[in-house]
Amino acid sequence: MERLIKLSQKKINIVKTGFKRFLYSEIDWDQPLILIKGYRGTGKTTLLLQQAKELSGKIIYLSLDDMYFEACRLAVLVDTLYEQGYRYFFLDEVHRYKHWSKDLKNIYDNYPDIKVAATGSSILEVSKGQADLSRRAITYYLPGLSFREFLELSYQNIFPAITLETIISQHHDIAADYNDMLNIEKAFREYLRYGYYPFFDEGKKFYGQKLLETTNLVLDIDIAPYEDLSYSTVRNMKKLLYIIGQSVPFTPNISKISGRMNIPRNSILKILDLLGHARVISLLRRDTKGISYLQKPEKIYLQNTNLAWLLSENRPDTGSLRETFFYSQLEVLHNVTSSRFGDFTIDDTYTFEIGGPSKTREQIRGVPDAYIAADGIKGGSGNKIPLWLLGFLY
């Protein structure tokens, strides 16, 4: 136990606090039980340590993948630390600990004066355990960096988050101001290739290798054990992800894929559903309510543009990168569905068509609340909004 306390103090002392993810200020840290889930590498550990560093009193950070928890129960450790005066517990990688949801429930019920914040990278496993903690835990989701956050972390340019409504109504003035501050187009190209995960700051040279390792961990460690998948099913999952990566945005022909991979149609749909819930891909549908995994999505996207660069044999398709960027930025705060007229419908209200600098309104002419998100332009005009500006939503 003393080793865990010393390790906690060391990690809290060395964490940097200059840059904080957008979610940091949105979390109600006064809640007795907080659960933060998100893809590997998005900054959940740093989030916990930064908050721990802000507090005074008896505080401990514990990573539940530590070997200590192979033989010892978390609930028993908390009992002991409570007697020593500890009241703040920051628990990382909870999904790696078998009894995490049961122990958190008992801690919550037995110690009303304790505050616990926990993170998990296996979104599937954490979501499952979250059901056991219903009415107890306040849950948050941490996505990858927005373009706005990338600019702050990489260029030290601090911009406020902007609502979609403000972007729609004031994009002309906002874009002009931001273009005066830095080379937005250059930074945007960098973000599309390596700016979604904060670990790019550790060195761009090995970013692709780290991203590949992270993706394989999600498939092998997070998804496979959760569903008790066989080795052959995991291989099929990776094969399907490769197929998607070559042609995103991917309009799925499930029967054709089934024949090509020689596995049943429903198995294909199940794999897509798992990849979607694990945030490796994004499934665009006409509706987001009451959807069964057996219903084919309209389109399939990789979850972010960095994955598109990773999984494409050649340079990713420009149109695909544009749509993937738009989807990844909008889905964090808004309901995104497919559109009858454009590429996307936002919150059942706004229609967006995505394109390059020469994109016209022809496809959305006469459609109310319809806009073009155009790549390759510094500023917008009328209903034509710079695509990069949609990266300032969070």
Protein backbone atom coordinates (compact mmCIF):
# COMPACT_ATOMS: atom_id res chain seq x y z
CA MET A 1 0.00 0.00 0.00
CA GLU A 2 2.85 2.41 0.79
CA ARG A 3 4.14 1.87 -2.75
CA LEU A 4 0.76 2.93 -4.17
CA ILE A 5 0.74 6.08 -2.02
CA LYS A 6 4.26 7.08 -3.13
CA LEU A 7 3.43 6.37 -6.77
CA SER A 8 0.29 8.50 -6.45
CA GLN A 9 2.21 11.44 -4.99
CA LYS A 10 4.81 11.22 -7.75
CA LYS A 11 2.26 11.19 -10.56
CA ILE A 12 0.25 14.08 -9.09
CA ASN A 13 3.38 16.18 -8.57
CA ILE A 14 4.70 15.84 -12.13
CA VAL A 15 1.46 16.29 -14.09
CA LYS A 16 1.37 19.44 -16.22
CA THR A 17 -1.59 21.76 -15.72
CA GLY A 18 -1.02 24.36 -18.42
CA PHE A 19 -3.37 22.72 -20.94
CA LYS A 20 -6.65 21.22 -19.85
CA ARG A 21 -9.17 19.33 -21.99
CA PHE A 22 -12.53 21.06 -22.54
CA LEU A 23 -14.26 18.49 -20.34
CA TYR A 24 -12.26 19.49 -17.27
CA SER A 25 -14.34 22.62 -16.66
CA GLU A 26 -17.61 20.85 -17.48
CA ILE A 27 -17.25 18.08 -14.91
CA ASP A 28 -18.99 18.66 -11.60
CA TRP A 29 -16.10 17.50 -9.44
CA ASP A 30 -18.21 17.89 -6.27
CA GLN A 31 -20.31 14.85 -7.18
CA PRO A 32 -19.62 11.80 -4.96
CA LEU A 33 -19.12 9.42 -7.90
CA ILE A 34 -17.94 10.47 -11.36
CA LEU A 35 -17.32 8.10 -14.26
CA ILE A 36 -15.32 9.27 -17.28
CA LYS A 37 -15.17 7.01 -20.31
CA GLY A 38 -13.38 7.52 -23.59
CA TYR A 39 -11.10 6.03 -26.21
CA ARG A 40 -7.55 5.15 -25.24
CA GLY A 41 -5.14 8.07 -25.42
CA THR A 42 -7.64 10.94 -25.21
CA GLY A 43 -6.29 12.31 -21.91
CA LYS A 44 -8.44 10.78 -19.18
CA THR A 45 -5.50 10.03 -16.87
CA THR A 46 -4.18 13.57 -17.16
CA LEU A 47 -7.66 14.88 -16.42
CA LEU A 48 -7.76 12.97 -13.11
CA LEU A 49 -4.25 13.98 -12.08
CA GLN A 50 -4.86 17.65 -12.88
CA GLN A 51 -7.92 17.71 -10.64
CA ALA A 52 -6.06 15.83 -7.90
CA LYS A 53 -3.32 18.46 -8.03
CA GLU A 54 -5.87 21.25 -7.50
CA LEU A 55 -7.14 19.78 -4.22
CA SER A 56 -5.86 19.87 -0.68
CA GLY A 57 -6.21 17.18 1.96
CA LYS A 58 -5.72 13.43 1.72
CA ILE A 59 -5.86 12.52 -1.97
CA ILE A 60 -4.82 9.38 -3.81
CA TYR A 61 -4.58 8.36 -7.45
CA LEU A 62 -4.78 4.62 -8.18
CA SER A 63 -4.41 2.84 -11.51
CA LEU A 64 -6.47 -0.33 -11.25
CA ASP A 65 -4.29 -2.18 -13.74
CA ASP A 66 -1.58 -2.22 -11.06
CA MET A 67 -0.50 -5.72 -9.99
CA TYR A 68 -1.67 -4.90 -6.44
CA PHE A 69 -5.28 -5.38 -7.53
CA GLU A 70 -4.61 -8.87 -8.84
CA ALA A 71 -4.76 -10.11 -5.25
CA CYS A 72 -6.37 -7.29 -3.25
CA ARG A 73 -9.84 -5.79 -3.37
CA LEU A 74 -10.28 -2.09 -4.01
CA ALA A 75 -13.05 -1.87 -1.42
CA VAL A 76 -10.72 -3.20 1.31
CA LEU A 77 -7.97 -0.75 0.32
CA VAL A 78 -10.44 2.14 0.47
CA ASP A 79 -11.51 1.02 3.96
CA THR A 80 -7.89 1.20 5.12
CA LEU A 81 -7.14 4.52 3.44
CA TYR A 82 -10.36 6.00 4.81
CA GLU A 83 -9.15 5.26 8.35
CA GLN A 84 -5.98 7.19 7.47
CA GLY A 85 -8.02 10.23 6.47
CA TYR A 86 -8.24 9.86 2.69
CA ARG A 87 -11.43 11.30 1.21
CA TYR A 88 -10.56 11.85 -2.48
CA PHE A 89 -10.01 8.81 -4.68
CA PHE A 90 -9.02 9.09 -8.34
CA LEU A 91 -9.28 5.67 -10.00
CA ASP A 92 -7.81 5.06 -13.45
CA GLU A 93 -8.40 2.18 -15.90
CA VAL A 94 -11.20 0.74 -13.79
CA HIS A 95 -12.21 -1.69 -16.53
CA ARG A 96 -8.97 -3.62 -15.92
CA TYR A 97 -10.21 -4.56 -12.43
CA LYS A 98 -12.73 -7.40 -12.29
CA HIS A 99 -14.87 -6.13 -9.41
CA TRP A 100 -14.82 -2.43 -10.25
CA SER A 101 -18.55 -1.72 -10.57
CA LYS A 102 -19.47 -3.76 -7.47
CA ASP A 103 -16.73 -2.15 -5.36
CA LEU A 104 -17.64 1.37 -6.51
CA LYS A 105 -21.26 0.71 -5.60
CA ASN A 106 -20.26 -0.44 -2.11
CA ILE A 107 -17.89 2.51 -1.62
CA TYR A 108 -20.61 4.93 -2.67
CA ASP A 109 -23.16 3.36 -0.30
CA ASN A 110 -20.82 2.96 2.69
CA TYR A 111 -18.93 6.26 2.61
CA PRO A 112 -21.14 9.24 1.79
CA ASP A 113 -18.31 11.69 2.55
CA ILE A 114 -15.94 10.17 -0.02
CA LYS A 115 -15.52 11.60 -3.53
CA VAL A 116 -14.54 9.19 -6.30
CA ALA A 117 -13.65 9.98 -9.91
CA ALA A 118 -12.99 6.97 -12.13
CA THR A 119 -11.97 6.48 -15.76
CA GLY A 120 -12.16 3.58 -18.19
CA SER A 121 -10.82 3.15 -21.73
CA SER A 122 -12.91 0.10 -22.58
CA ILE A 123 -16.07 1.98 -23.50
CA LEU A 124 -18.00 -1.26 -23.90
CA GLU A 125 -17.01 -2.60 -20.47
CA VAL A 126 -17.52 0.74 -18.72
CA SER A 127 -20.92 1.17 -20.32
CA LYS A 128 -21.88 -2.28 -19.08
CA GLY A 129 -20.73 -1.49 -15.53
CA GLN A 130 -22.39 1.89 -15.72
CA ALA A 131 -25.76 0.12 -15.63
CA ASP A 132 -24.83 -1.35 -12.24
CA LEU A 133 -24.10 2.17 -11.00
CA SER A 134 -27.30 3.77 -12.27
CA ARG A 135 -28.61 6.52 -10.00
CA ARG A 136 -25.18 6.73 -8.39
CA ALA A 137 -22.57 7.73 -10.97
CA ILE A 138 -22.54 10.88 -13.08
CA THR A 139 -21.05 9.82 -16.42
CA TYR A 140 -19.02 11.89 -18.88
CA TYR A 141 -17.49 11.04 -22.26
CA LEU A 142 -14.11 12.40 -23.35
CA PRO A 143 -13.60 12.43 -27.15
CA GLY A 144 -10.33 13.23 -28.89
CA LEU A 145 -9.05 16.75 -29.33
CA SER A 146 -11.14 19.24 -31.24
CA PHE A 147 -9.35 21.40 -33.78
CA ARG A 148 -9.65 24.27 -31.28
CA GLU A 149 -7.90 22.23 -28.57
CA PHE A 150 -5.21 21.13 -31.01
CA LEU A 151 -4.40 24.78 -31.73
CA GLU A 152 -4.02 25.47 -28.03
CA LEU A 153 -1.85 22.43 -27.34
CA SER A 154 0.30 22.71 -30.48
CA TYR A 155 0.42 26.45 -31.15
CA GLN A 156 -0.48 27.92 -27.74
CA ASN A 157 -3.29 29.87 -29.41
CA ILE A 158 -6.20 29.96 -26.98
CA PHE A 159 -9.64 30.31 -28.54
CA PRO A 160 -13.04 30.03 -26.86
CA ALA A 161 -15.46 27.25 -27.81
CA ILE A 162 -18.21 28.53 -30.12
CA THR A 163 -21.77 27.27 -30.39
CA LEU A 164 -23.05 26.00 -33.71
CA GLU A 165 -25.66 28.76 -33.80
CA THR A 166 -22.95 31.39 -33.35
CA ILE A 167 -20.82 29.87 -36.10
CA ILE A 168 -23.79 29.87 -38.46
CA SER A 169 -24.66 33.50 -37.79
CA GLN A 170 -21.20 35.05 -37.31
CA HIS A 171 -18.75 32.88 -39.23
CA HIS A 172 -17.71 35.73 -41.55
CA ASP A 173 -16.33 37.87 -38.72
CA ILE A 174 -14.95 34.99 -36.64
CA ALA A 175 -13.03 33.44 -39.53
CA ALA A 176 -11.51 36.79 -40.50
CA ASP A 177 -10.28 37.40 -36.95
CA TYR A 178 -8.77 33.92 -36.59
CA ASN A 179 -7.00 34.04 -39.94
CA ASP A 180 -5.19 37.17 -38.76
CA MET A 181 -3.75 35.24 -35.81
CA LEU A 182 -2.18 32.20 -37.50
CA ASN A 183 -2.01 30.09 -40.66
CA ILE A 184 -5.28 28.22 -40.11
CA GLU A 185 -5.08 26.14 -43.29
CA LYS A 186 -1.62 24.80 -42.45
CA ALA A 187 -2.65 23.94 -38.90
CA PHE A 188 -5.85 22.29 -40.16
CA ARG A 189 -3.90 19.93 -42.44
CA GLU A 190 -1.70 18.99 -39.50
CA TYR A 191 -4.74 18.30 -37.32
CA LEU A 192 -6.35 16.05 -39.93
CA ARG A 193 -3.23 13.89 -40.00
CA TYR A 194 -2.06 13.73 -36.39
CA GLY A 195 -4.01 16.10 -34.14
CA TYR A 196 -6.91 14.08 -32.69
CA TYR A 197 -5.04 12.33 -29.86
CA PRO A 198 -3.05 14.39 -27.33
CA PHE A 199 -0.10 12.00 -27.48
CA PHE A 200 0.99 13.71 -30.72
CA ASP A 201 2.65 16.16 -28.32
CA GLU A 202 5.09 13.40 -27.30
CA GLY A 203 6.56 13.37 -30.82
CA LYS A 204 5.02 13.29 -34.28
CA LYS A 205 7.62 10.86 -35.67
CA PHE A 206 6.11 7.87 -33.87
CA TYR A 207 2.51 9.06 -33.81
CA GLY A 208 1.33 6.60 -36.45
CA GLN A 209 2.99 3.67 -34.66
CA LYS A 210 1.39 4.65 -31.34
CA LEU A 211 -2.00 5.05 -32.97
CA LEU A 212 -1.74 1.61 -34.58
CA GLU A 213 -0.80 0.07 -31.22
CA THR A 214 -3.68 1.86 -29.53
CA THR A 215 -6.16 0.67 -32.16
CA ASN A 216 -4.98 -2.93 -31.86
CA LEU A 217 -5.34 -2.73 -28.08
CA VAL A 218 -8.95 -1.59 -28.48
CA LEU A 219 -9.70 -4.53 -30.77
CA ASP A 220 -7.73 -7.18 -28.86
CA ILE A 221 -8.12 -6.08 -25.24
CA ASP A 222 -11.26 -3.96 -25.06
CA ILE A 223 -13.67 -5.52 -27.56
CA ALA A 224 -12.62 -9.18 -27.81
CA PRO A 225 -12.81 -10.12 -24.08
CA TYR A 226 -15.98 -8.09 -23.58
CA GLU A 227 -17.82 -10.14 -26.21
CA ASP A 228 -15.77 -13.30 -25.66
CA LEU A 229 -14.85 -13.22 -29.33
CA SER A 230 -12.88 -16.03 -30.95
CA TYR A 231 -9.53 -15.41 -32.62
CA SER A 232 -11.10 -15.81 -36.06
CA THR A 233 -13.81 -13.24 -35.26
CA VAL A 234 -11.18 -10.71 -34.15
CA ARG A 235 -9.32 -11.33 -37.40
CA ASN A 236 -12.54 -10.74 -39.34
CA MET A 237 -13.07 -7.53 -37.38
CA LYS A 238 -9.63 -6.28 -38.37
CA LYS A 239 -10.21 -7.33 -41.96
CA LEU A 240 -13.52 -5.44 -42.06
CA LEU A 241 -11.88 -2.36 -40.54
CA TYR A 242 -9.23 -2.53 -43.27
CA ILE A 243 -11.92 -2.72 -45.96
CA ILE A 244 -13.68 0.30 -44.47
CA GLY A 245 -10.39 2.18 -44.28
CA GLN A 246 -9.82 1.84 -48.01
CA SER A 247 -13.13 3.36 -49.05
CA VAL A 248 -14.58 5.62 -46.34
CA PRO A 249 -17.11 7.16 -46.30
CA PHE A 250 -18.28 3.63 -46.87
CA THR A 251 -21.78 2.98 -48.16
CA PRO A 252 -22.24 -0.57 -46.96
CA ASN A 253 -23.48 -3.40 -49.11
CA ILE A 254 -23.76 -5.95 -46.33
CA SER A 255 -24.53 -8.91 -48.59
CA LYS A 256 -21.52 -8.14 -50.77
CA ILE A 257 -19.22 -7.83 -47.74
CA SER A 258 -20.66 -11.04 -46.32
CA GLY A 259 -19.82 -12.90 -49.52
CA ARG A 260 -16.37 -11.36 -49.77
CA MET A 261 -15.48 -12.28 -46.18
CA ASN A 262 -17.46 -15.53 -46.14
CA ILE A 263 -19.21 -14.77 -42.85
CA PRO A 264 -22.96 -14.34 -42.17
CA ARG A 265 -24.69 -11.01 -42.75
CA ASN A 266 -25.76 -10.65 -39.11
CA SER A 267 -22.18 -11.24 -37.99
CA ILE A 268 -21.06 -8.34 -40.18
CA LEU A 269 -23.71 -6.09 -38.63
CA LYS A 270 -22.72 -7.18 -35.12
CA ILE A 271 -19.06 -6.41 -35.76
CA LEU A 272 -19.98 -2.98 -37.12
CA ASP A 273 -22.07 -2.33 -34.02
CA LEU A 274 -19.17 -3.30 -31.72
CA LEU A 275 -16.71 -1.11 -33.62
CA GLY A 276 -19.19 1.74 -33.42
CA HIS A 277 -19.75 1.45 -29.68
CA ALA A 278 -15.99 1.18 -29.14
CA ARG A 279 -15.59 4.45 -31.09
CA VAL A 280 -13.35 3.00 -33.80
CA ILE A 281 -15.92 3.84 -36.48
CA SER A 282 -18.99 6.06 -36.67
CA LEU A 283 -22.23 4.73 -38.12
CA LEU A 284 -24.37 7.33 -39.82
CA ARG A 285 -28.07 6.49 -39.72
CA ARG A 286 -31.33 8.20 -40.65
CA ASP A 287 -32.42 8.11 -37.02
CA THR A 288 -30.57 7.65 -33.74
CA LYS A 289 -33.48 6.46 -31.63
CA GLY A 290 -34.53 2.85 -31.13
CA ILE A 291 -31.96 1.54 -33.57
CA SER A 292 -31.11 -2.17 -33.67
CA TYR A 293 -27.69 -3.29 -34.82
CA LEU A 294 -29.49 -5.39 -37.43
CA GLN A 295 -30.48 -2.21 -39.27
CA LYS A 296 -27.87 -1.30 -41.86
CA PRO A 297 -26.31 2.17 -41.45
CA GLU A 298 -26.49 4.65 -44.32
CA LYS A 299 -22.74 5.28 -44.27
CA ILE A 300 -19.73 4.18 -42.27
CA TYR A 301 -16.91 6.53 -41.29
CA LEU A 302 -13.71 5.97 -39.40
CA GLN A 303 -14.12 7.75 -36.08
CA ASN A 304 -11.60 10.48 -36.91
CA THR A 305 -9.33 11.60 -39.73
CA ASN A 306 -6.14 10.35 -38.05
CA LEU A 307 -7.46 6.79 -38.36
CA ALA A 308 -8.12 7.45 -42.04
CA TRP A 309 -4.46 8.32 -42.55
CA LEU A 310 -3.43 5.26 -40.55
CA LEU A 311 -5.59 2.71 -42.40
CA SER A 312 -5.38 4.04 -45.97
CA GLU A 313 -2.77 2.44 -48.21
CA ASN A 314 -2.37 5.71 -50.07
CA ARG A 315 -3.35 9.28 -49.28
CA PRO A 316 -6.94 9.26 -47.94
CA ASP A 317 -9.66 10.55 -50.21
CA THR A 318 -10.06 14.30 -49.68
CA GLY A 319 -13.85 14.18 -49.67
CA SER A 320 -13.75 11.40 -47.09
CA LEU A 321 -11.44 13.39 -44.82
CA ARG A 322 -13.77 16.38 -45.00
CA GLU A 323 -16.87 14.41 -44.05
CA THR A 324 -15.05 12.44 -41.35
CA PHE A 325 -13.80 15.66 -39.77
CA PHE A 326 -17.25 17.22 -39.82
CA TYR A 327 -18.89 14.15 -38.29
CA SER A 328 -16.25 13.71 -35.56
CA GLN A 329 -16.56 17.33 -34.44
CA LEU A 330 -20.35 17.63 -34.57
CA GLU A 331 -21.31 14.34 -32.92
CA VAL A 332 -19.74 15.33 -29.59
CA LEU A 333 -22.45 17.88 -28.78
CA HIS A 334 -25.10 17.33 -31.44
CA ASN A 335 -27.35 14.67 -32.90
CA VAL A 336 -26.01 13.83 -36.38
CA THR A 337 -28.05 11.85 -38.91
CA SER A 338 -28.03 11.35 -42.67
CA SER A 339 -29.88 13.83 -44.83
CA ARG A 340 -32.23 13.42 -47.78
CA PHE A 341 -30.78 16.52 -49.44
CA GLY A 342 -27.24 17.11 -48.13
CA ASP A 343 -24.63 15.00 -46.38
CA PHE A 344 -25.76 15.49 -42.77
CA THR A 345 -28.71 16.67 -40.68
CA ILE A 346 -27.89 18.24 -37.32
CA ASP A 347 -30.39 18.12 -34.45
CA ASP A 348 -33.22 17.50 -36.95
CA THR A 349 -32.86 21.18 -37.92
CA TYR A 350 -29.79 22.07 -39.96
CA THR A 351 -28.74 20.50 -43.26
CA PHE A 352 -25.05 20.51 -44.17
CA GLU A 353 -23.41 19.71 -47.47
CA ILE A 354 -19.64 19.14 -47.27
CA GLY A 355 -17.28 20.03 -50.11
CA GLY A 356 -14.34 21.98 -51.47
CA PRO A 357 -13.94 25.68 -52.31
CA SER A 358 -15.96 25.39 -55.52
CA LYS A 359 -18.92 23.64 -53.89
CA THR A 360 -22.23 25.27 -54.90
CA ARG A 361 -25.65 25.38 -53.26
CA GLU A 362 -27.28 23.46 -56.09
CA GLN A 363 -27.90 20.29 -54.06
CA ILE A 364 -29.44 22.16 -51.11
CA ARG A 365 -31.21 24.90 -53.05
CA GLY A 366 -34.61 25.58 -51.52
CA VAL A 367 -33.84 23.55 -48.36
CA PRO A 368 -34.44 25.61 -45.19
CA ASP A 369 -31.57 26.04 -42.72
CA ALA A 370 -29.13 24.53 -45.20
CA TYR A 371 -25.41 25.31 -45.26
CA ILE A 372 -22.19 24.36 -47.02
CA ALA A 373 -19.15 23.48 -44.91
CA ALA A 374 -16.37 24.16 -47.40
CA ASP A 375 -12.76 23.06 -47.19
CA GLY A 376 -9.95 25.13 -48.68
CA ILE A 377 -11.41 28.54 -47.90
CA LYS A 378 -10.17 31.02 -45.31
CA GLY A 379 -13.49 32.79 -44.86
CA GLY A 380 -17.10 32.18 -45.71
CA SER A 381 -19.86 34.05 -47.45
CA GLY A 382 -23.60 33.75 -47.01
CA ASN A 383 -24.41 30.17 -46.09
CA LYS A 384 -20.94 28.91 -46.99
CA ILE A 385 -18.94 28.26 -43.82
CA PRO A 386 -15.24 27.35 -43.58
CA LEU A 387 -15.05 23.68 -42.67
CA TRP A 388 -12.24 24.23 -40.17
CA LEU A 389 -14.44 26.56 -38.12
CA LEU A 390 -16.65 23.59 -37.18
CA GLY A 391 -13.66 22.40 -35.14
CA PHE A 392 -14.29 25.10 -32.53
CA LEU A 393 -17.46 23.62 -31.05
CA TYR A 394 -15.78 22.08 -27.99
